[in-house]
Amino acid sequence: AFLALPCNPLAVDEYEYYAVTAKPDTNNFPSYILLVGCEDDTTISVSSTTFTLNRLETYLIESPNDQTGKKVVSNKPITFLTGDQCTNVPPTTTYCDTLIEQVPP
């Protein structure tokens, strides 16, 4: 379970978010970054890609690699969720759990 926070605009020109994911094990499960628009006409930049989201639209970034440190910049607040589908905690266990966290700007 996790606490979902509401979108609250701040007195800033842009919002910066950084992903925090665990290194996926060799079980072929990916790490994720999920972006959810809070307002219409929100411009988002991820690496060299720029796109627009409207309110409640989503954009999913999936990778077999650790995405920790990936920077996301937006001109309006977004909901930024990051995590892994299957992570062994502690690493010596034979089963895995989904890890997800909402990251504030």
C-alpha atoms as a PDB file:
ATOM      1  CA  ALA A   1       0.000   0.000   0.000  1.00  0.00           C
ATOM      2  CA  PHE A   2       1.044   3.612  -0.429  1.00  0.00           C
ATOM      3  CA  LEU A   3      -0.330   7.064   0.199  1.00  0.00           C
ATOM      4  CA  ALA A   4      -1.478   8.868  -2.953  1.00  0.00           C
ATOM      5  CA  LEU A   5      -0.952  12.608  -2.598  1.00  0.00           C
ATOM      6  CA  PRO A   6      -3.136  15.223  -4.320  1.00  0.00           C
ATOM      7  CA  CYS A   7      -1.714  17.558  -6.956  1.00  0.00           C
ATOM      8  CA  ASN A   8      -0.839  20.869  -5.376  1.00  0.00           C
ATOM      9  CA  PRO A   9       0.571  23.672  -7.511  1.00  0.00           C
ATOM     10  CA  LEU A  10       3.664  25.391  -6.147  1.00  0.00           C
ATOM     11  CA  ALA A  11       4.958  28.892  -6.858  1.00  0.00           C
ATOM     12  CA  VAL A  12       7.612  27.636  -9.306  1.00  0.00           C
ATOM     13  CA  ASP A  13       8.202  27.872 -13.066  1.00  0.00           C
ATOM     14  CA  GLU A  14       8.924  24.166 -13.493  1.00  0.00           C
ATOM     15  CA  TYR A  15       8.715  20.944 -11.531  1.00  0.00           C
ATOM     16  CA  GLU A  16      11.570  18.420 -11.345  1.00  0.00           C
ATOM     17  CA  TYR A  17      11.114  14.784 -10.418  1.00  0.00           C
ATOM     18  CA  TYR A  18      13.697  12.000 -10.086  1.00  0.00           C
ATOM     19  CA  ALA A  19      12.953   8.292 -10.362  1.00  0.00           C
ATOM     20  CA  VAL A  20      13.857   5.867  -7.603  1.00  0.00           C
ATOM     21  CA  THR A  21      13.712   2.224  -8.642  1.00  0.00           C
ATOM     22  CA  ALA A  22      15.403  -0.913  -7.395  1.00  0.00           C
ATOM     23  CA  LYS A  23      17.687  -2.727  -9.772  1.00  0.00           C
ATOM     24  CA  PRO A  24      15.487  -5.432 -11.285  1.00  0.00           C
ATOM     25  CA  ASP A  25      16.797  -8.903 -10.651  1.00  0.00           C
ATOM     26  CA  THR A  26      17.518 -11.383 -13.398  1.00  0.00           C
ATOM     27  CA  ASN A  27      13.844 -12.411 -13.345  1.00  0.00           C
ATOM     28  CA  ASN A  28      13.064 -10.194 -16.368  1.00  0.00           C
ATOM     29  CA  PHE A  29      10.605  -7.960 -14.527  1.00  0.00           C
ATOM     30  CA  PRO A  30      10.825  -4.264 -15.509  1.00  0.00           C
ATOM     31  CA  SER A  31      11.013  -1.029 -13.568  1.00  0.00           C
ATOM     32  CA  TYR A  32       8.404   1.658 -14.194  1.00  0.00           C
ATOM     33  CA  ILE A  33       7.816   5.383 -14.159  1.00  0.00           C
ATOM     34  CA  LEU A  34       4.167   6.434 -14.444  1.00  0.00           C
ATOM     35  CA  LEU A  35       3.259  10.067 -15.113  1.00  0.00           C
ATOM     36  CA  VAL A  36      -0.303  11.345 -14.614  1.00  0.00           C
ATOM     37  CA  GLY A  37      -1.392  14.787 -15.764  1.00  0.00           C
ATOM     38  CA  CYS A  38      -3.032  16.991 -13.125  1.00  0.00           C
ATOM     39  CA  GLU A  39      -3.864  19.910 -15.422  1.00  0.00           C
ATOM     40  CA  ASP A  40      -4.536  20.338 -19.138  1.00  0.00           C
ATOM     41  CA  ASP A  41      -1.667  21.303 -21.457  1.00  0.00           C
ATOM     42  CA  THR A  42       1.137  20.050 -19.222  1.00  0.00           C
ATOM     43  CA  THR A  43       4.453  19.883 -21.087  1.00  0.00           C
ATOM     44  CA  ILE A  44       6.767  17.108 -19.891  1.00  0.00           C
ATOM     45  CA  SER A  45      10.395  16.412 -20.802  1.00  0.00           C
ATOM     46  CA  VAL A  46      12.044  13.036 -20.184  1.00  0.00           C
ATOM     47  CA  SER A  47      15.595  12.677 -21.497  1.00  0.00           C
ATOM     48  CA  SER A  48      15.372  14.004 -25.072  1.00  0.00           C
ATOM     49  CA  THR A  49      11.601  13.427 -25.428  1.00  0.00           C
ATOM     50  CA  THR A  50       9.003  16.149 -24.895  1.00  0.00           C
ATOM     51  CA  PHE A  51       5.243  15.557 -24.909  1.00  0.00           C
ATOM     52  CA  THR A  52       1.996  17.004 -23.543  1.00  0.00           C
ATOM     53  CA  LEU A  53      -0.439  15.463 -21.088  1.00  0.00           C
ATOM     54  CA  ASN A  54      -3.900  16.676 -20.203  1.00  0.00           C
ATOM     55  CA  ARG A  55      -5.692  16.170 -16.902  1.00  0.00           C
ATOM     56  CA  LEU A  56      -5.853  12.449 -15.967  1.00  0.00           C
ATOM     57  CA  GLU A  57      -3.906  11.295 -19.042  1.00  0.00           C
ATOM     58  CA  THR A  58      -1.056   8.885 -18.328  1.00  0.00           C
ATOM     59  CA  TYR A  59       2.354   8.064 -19.786  1.00  0.00           C
ATOM     60  CA  LEU A  60       4.235   4.896 -18.811  1.00  0.00           C
ATOM     61  CA  ILE A  61       7.999   4.430 -19.110  1.00  0.00           C
ATOM     62  CA  GLU A  62       9.053   0.793 -18.791  1.00  0.00           C
ATOM     63  CA  SER A  63      12.648  -0.440 -18.717  1.00  0.00           C
ATOM     64  CA  PRO A  64      14.503  -3.669 -17.964  1.00  0.00           C
ATOM     65  CA  ASN A  65      17.173  -1.472 -16.322  1.00  0.00           C
ATOM     66  CA  ASP A  66      17.327   0.511 -13.105  1.00  0.00           C
ATOM     67  CA  GLN A  67      15.821   3.963 -13.782  1.00  0.00           C
ATOM     68  CA  THR A  68      17.044   5.572 -10.563  1.00  0.00           C
ATOM     69  CA  GLY A  69      18.058   9.177 -11.206  1.00  0.00           C
ATOM     70  CA  LYS A  70      16.060   9.605 -14.429  1.00  0.00           C
ATOM     71  CA  LYS A  71      14.985  13.258 -14.484  1.00  0.00           C
ATOM     72  CA  VAL A  72      11.481  14.356 -15.490  1.00  0.00           C
ATOM     73  CA  VAL A  73      10.635  18.056 -15.856  1.00  0.00           C
ATOM     74  CA  SER A  74       7.142  19.534 -16.268  1.00  0.00           C
ATOM     75  CA  ASN A  75       5.691  23.026 -16.477  1.00  0.00           C
ATOM     76  CA  LYS A  76       2.725  22.088 -14.236  1.00  0.00           C
ATOM     77  CA  PRO A  77       2.360  19.599 -11.376  1.00  0.00           C
ATOM     78  CA  ILE A  78       2.009  15.909 -12.239  1.00  0.00           C
ATOM     79  CA  THR A  79       1.559  12.743 -10.246  1.00  0.00           C
ATOM     80  CA  PHE A  80       4.881  10.884 -10.472  1.00  0.00           C
ATOM     81  CA  LEU A  81       4.896   7.196  -9.555  1.00  0.00           C
ATOM     82  CA  THR A  82       7.995   5.042  -9.743  1.00  0.00           C
ATOM     83  CA  GLY A  83       8.776   1.447  -8.845  1.00  0.00           C
ATOM     84  CA  ASP A  84       9.358  -2.137  -9.859  1.00  0.00           C
ATOM     85  CA  GLN A  85       7.034  -4.975 -10.762  1.00  0.00           C
ATOM     86  CA  CYS A  86       8.983  -7.646  -8.908  1.00  0.00           C
ATOM     87  CA  THR A  87      11.826  -6.975  -6.451  1.00  0.00           C
ATOM     88  CA  ASN A  88      13.394  -9.351  -3.956  1.00  0.00           C
ATOM     89  CA  VAL A  89      13.546  -7.745  -0.504  1.00  0.00           C
ATOM     90  CA  PRO A  90      15.913  -8.817   0.955  1.00  0.00           C
ATOM     91  CA  PRO A  91      17.844  -9.914  -2.140  1.00  0.00           C
ATOM     92  CA  THR A  92      18.311 -13.446  -0.780  1.00  0.00           C
ATOM     93  CA  THR A  93      14.581 -14.278  -0.855  1.00  0.00           C
ATOM     94  CA  THR A  94      13.107 -16.508  -3.532  1.00  0.00           C
ATOM     95  CA  TYR A  95       9.902 -14.488  -3.936  1.00  0.00           C
ATOM     96  CA  CYS A  96       9.332 -10.900  -4.940  1.00  0.00           C
ATOM     97  CA  ASP A  97       7.055  -7.948  -4.225  1.00  0.00           C
ATOM     98  CA  THR A  98       5.875  -4.960  -6.203  1.00  0.00           C
ATOM     99  CA  LEU A  99       7.452  -1.717  -4.989  1.00  0.00           C
ATOM    100  CA  ILE A 100       5.777   1.599  -5.838  1.00  0.00           C
ATOM    101  CA  GLU A 101       6.198   5.106  -4.518  1.00  0.00           C
ATOM    102  CA  GLN A 102       4.696   8.475  -5.343  1.00  0.00           C
ATOM    103  CA  VAL A 103       7.527  11.005  -5.508  1.00  0.00           C
ATOM    104  CA  PRO A 104       6.842  14.703  -4.813  1.00  0.00           C
ATOM    105  CA  PRO A 105       8.589  17.409  -6.858  1.00  0.00           C
END
